[in-house]
């Protein structure tokens, strides 16, 4: 399972040093990304490094669960009324339809919501600092954290399991 950690550096040069340190400590290239103010991201950070996550996937999963539950409840309520004529297969179809609609609508909303890191560290980003985000296996964490600290990156208070890792 991968863990997500966030570090802060003062400029693009320090961010490049931190990325190189994380990679030399064993982090895969795709497991290290950067978050910065939009003007810094557009001019100074390579597109492959920019973390552009939104709340899309978690929102879609929550919507599927909520919509599926509502569809199941609607189907169970409809099956108790004989005049409606809903069968068990109809309940299953209502559950799937509810999950699909819930997933779709939540994904639309979630795609416009910034990711939790941007929300939590908005002040750091607006101050011009660059966030180095690493998603690594739990066993690699101590080595990568030490490498980033030695490179001058300051760890921020954020610990989370990486989504879909």
Protein backbone atom coordinates (compact mmCIF):
# COMPACT_ATOMS: atom_id res chain seq x y z
CA UNK A 1 0.00 0.00 0.00
CA UNK A 2 1.30 3.44 -0.88
CA UNK A 3 1.40 6.35 1.52
CA UNK A 4 1.23 9.98 0.47
CA UNK A 5 3.47 12.60 2.06
CA UNK A 6 3.79 16.31 1.27
CA UNK A 7 6.93 18.44 1.51
CA UNK A 8 7.46 22.16 0.91
CA UNK A 9 10.37 23.91 -0.84
CA UNK A 10 10.95 27.57 -1.62
CA UNK A 11 11.55 27.57 -5.38
CA UNK A 12 11.73 25.50 -8.57
CA UNK A 13 15.44 24.77 -8.17
CA UNK A 14 14.85 23.36 -4.69
CA UNK A 15 11.91 21.36 -6.05
CA UNK A 16 14.11 19.82 -8.76
CA UNK A 17 16.69 18.94 -6.09
CA UNK A 18 13.99 17.35 -3.92
CA UNK A 19 12.60 15.33 -6.84
CA UNK A 20 16.10 14.07 -7.69
CA UNK A 21 16.66 13.14 -4.02
CA UNK A 22 13.38 11.22 -3.84
CA UNK A 23 14.18 9.36 -7.06
CA UNK A 24 17.70 8.50 -5.89
CA UNK A 25 16.21 7.16 -2.64
CA UNK A 26 14.00 4.75 -4.59
CA UNK A 27 10.81 6.61 -5.50
CA UNK A 28 9.48 5.84 -8.98
CA UNK A 29 9.33 8.75 -11.39
CA UNK A 30 5.52 8.67 -11.51
CA UNK A 31 5.27 8.70 -7.71
CA UNK A 32 6.68 12.22 -7.31
CA UNK A 33 4.68 15.28 -8.36
CA UNK A 34 4.65 19.01 -7.71
CA UNK A 35 1.94 21.47 -6.78
CA UNK A 36 2.50 25.21 -7.10
CA UNK A 37 0.72 28.46 -7.80
CA UNK A 38 -0.67 28.49 -11.35
CA UNK A 39 1.78 31.10 -12.63
CA UNK A 40 4.71 29.02 -11.40
CA UNK A 41 3.26 25.77 -12.79
CA UNK A 42 2.68 27.30 -16.23
CA UNK A 43 6.10 28.87 -16.66
CA UNK A 44 8.61 26.85 -14.68
CA UNK A 45 7.43 23.28 -14.04
CA UNK A 46 7.42 20.55 -16.66
CA UNK A 47 3.93 19.19 -17.39
CA UNK A 48 4.90 15.65 -16.37
CA UNK A 49 5.57 16.80 -12.80
CA UNK A 50 2.40 18.83 -12.17
CA UNK A 51 -0.12 17.21 -9.84
CA UNK A 52 -3.49 17.90 -11.44
CA UNK A 53 -5.64 15.65 -9.31
CA UNK A 54 -9.12 16.74 -8.52
CA UNK A 55 -11.65 15.09 -6.26
CA UNK A 56 -13.09 13.20 -9.26
CA UNK A 57 -12.39 9.55 -8.36
CA UNK A 58 -13.27 9.75 -4.66
CA UNK A 59 -16.43 11.70 -5.51
CA UNK A 60 -17.46 9.15 -8.15
CA UNK A 61 -16.96 6.30 -5.68
CA UNK A 62 -19.02 8.08 -3.02
CA UNK A 63 -21.72 8.81 -5.61
CA UNK A 64 -21.84 5.18 -6.73
CA UNK A 65 -22.29 4.02 -3.15
CA UNK A 66 -24.94 6.63 -2.34
CA UNK A 67 -26.79 6.23 -5.63
CA UNK A 68 -26.70 2.45 -5.41
CA UNK A 69 -28.11 2.56 -1.88
CA UNK A 70 -30.89 4.90 -2.96
CA UNK A 71 -31.69 2.70 -5.97
CA UNK A 72 -31.80 -0.37 -3.74
CA UNK A 73 -34.13 1.32 -1.28
CA UNK A 74 -36.38 2.53 -4.10
CA UNK A 75 -36.47 -0.96 -5.58
CA UNK A 76 -37.25 -2.58 -2.25
CA UNK A 77 -40.01 -0.06 -1.64
CA UNK A 78 -41.44 -0.68 -5.12
CA UNK A 79 -41.35 -4.46 -4.71
CA UNK A 80 -43.63 -4.22 -1.66
CA UNK A 81 -46.38 -2.60 -3.75
CA UNK A 82 -47.91 -5.39 -5.87
CA UNK A 83 -49.59 -2.95 -8.27
CA UNK A 84 -46.19 -1.67 -9.45
CA UNK A 85 -45.11 -5.17 -10.50
CA UNK A 86 -41.37 -4.82 -9.78
CA UNK A 87 -39.47 -8.12 -9.53
CA UNK A 88 -36.14 -8.91 -7.88
CA UNK A 89 -34.48 -8.31 -11.25
CA UNK A 90 -36.13 -4.88 -11.29
CA UNK A 91 -34.66 -4.13 -7.87
CA UNK A 92 -31.21 -5.03 -9.21
CA UNK A 93 -31.72 -2.76 -12.22
CA UNK A 94 -32.86 0.13 -10.02
CA UNK A 95 -29.78 -0.39 -7.84
CA UNK A 96 -27.47 -0.29 -10.88
CA UNK A 97 -29.25 2.73 -12.33
CA UNK A 98 -28.98 4.54 -9.00
CA UNK A 99 -25.27 3.75 -8.79
CA UNK A 100 -24.70 4.97 -12.35
CA UNK A 101 -26.58 8.24 -11.86
CA UNK A 102 -24.97 8.84 -8.47
CA UNK A 103 -21.50 8.14 -9.83
CA UNK A 104 -21.98 10.37 -12.86
CA UNK A 105 -23.40 13.34 -10.97
CA UNK A 106 -20.84 13.12 -8.17
CA UNK A 107 -17.98 12.82 -10.66
CA UNK A 108 -19.16 16.00 -12.40
CA UNK A 109 -19.13 17.86 -9.11
CA UNK A 110 -15.89 16.26 -7.92
CA UNK A 111 -14.04 17.23 -11.09
CA UNK A 112 -14.39 20.90 -10.12
CA UNK A 113 -13.19 20.49 -6.53
CA UNK A 114 -9.44 20.88 -5.95
CA UNK A 115 -7.65 17.96 -4.36
CA UNK A 116 -7.27 17.82 -0.56
CA UNK A 117 -3.60 18.83 -0.67
CA UNK A 118 -4.36 22.06 -2.53
CA UNK A 119 -7.18 22.83 -0.11
CA UNK A 120 -5.16 22.10 3.03
CA UNK A 121 -1.99 23.94 1.99
CA UNK A 122 -3.51 26.84 0.06
CA UNK A 123 -1.52 29.38 2.10
CA UNK A 124 1.79 27.63 1.29
CA UNK A 125 0.95 27.58 -2.41
CA UNK A 126 -0.18 31.22 -2.51
CA UNK A 127 3.04 32.24 -0.71
CA UNK A 128 4.94 30.93 -3.74
CA UNK A 129 6.25 27.72 -2.23
CA UNK A 130 6.20 24.49 -4.19
CA UNK A 131 4.79 21.31 -2.72
CA UNK A 132 6.55 18.03 -3.45
CA UNK A 133 4.06 15.16 -3.21
CA UNK A 134 5.37 11.60 -2.94
CA UNK A 135 3.31 8.40 -3.09
CA UNK A 136 5.53 5.51 -2.00
CA UNK A 137 5.32 2.09 -0.42
CA UNK A 138 5.32 2.16 3.37
CA UNK A 139 8.69 0.37 3.51
CA UNK A 140 10.36 3.10 1.44
CA UNK A 141 9.03 6.02 3.49
CA UNK A 142 11.86 6.42 6.04
CA UNK A 143 14.56 6.42 3.34
CA UNK A 144 12.68 8.86 1.08
CA UNK A 145 11.70 11.18 3.95
CA UNK A 146 15.35 11.32 5.04
CA UNK A 147 16.52 12.04 1.49
CA UNK A 148 14.00 14.86 1.07
CA UNK A 149 14.92 16.37 4.45
CA UNK A 150 18.61 16.25 3.47
CA UNK A 151 17.69 18.04 0.22
CA UNK A 152 16.13 20.88 2.22
CA UNK A 153 12.46 19.95 1.85
CA UNK A 154 10.29 20.61 4.89
CA UNK A 155 7.69 17.93 5.65
CA UNK A 156 4.15 19.22 6.07
CA UNK A 157 1.55 17.62 8.34
CA UNK A 158 -0.22 15.41 5.83
CA UNK A 159 -0.48 11.64 5.92
CA UNK A 160 -2.84 9.68 3.74
CA UNK A 161 -3.11 6.43 1.90
CA UNK A 162 -2.80 7.05 -1.82
CA UNK A 163 -6.08 6.68 -3.66
CA UNK A 164 -6.37 3.45 -5.61
CA UNK A 165 -2.86 2.28 -4.70
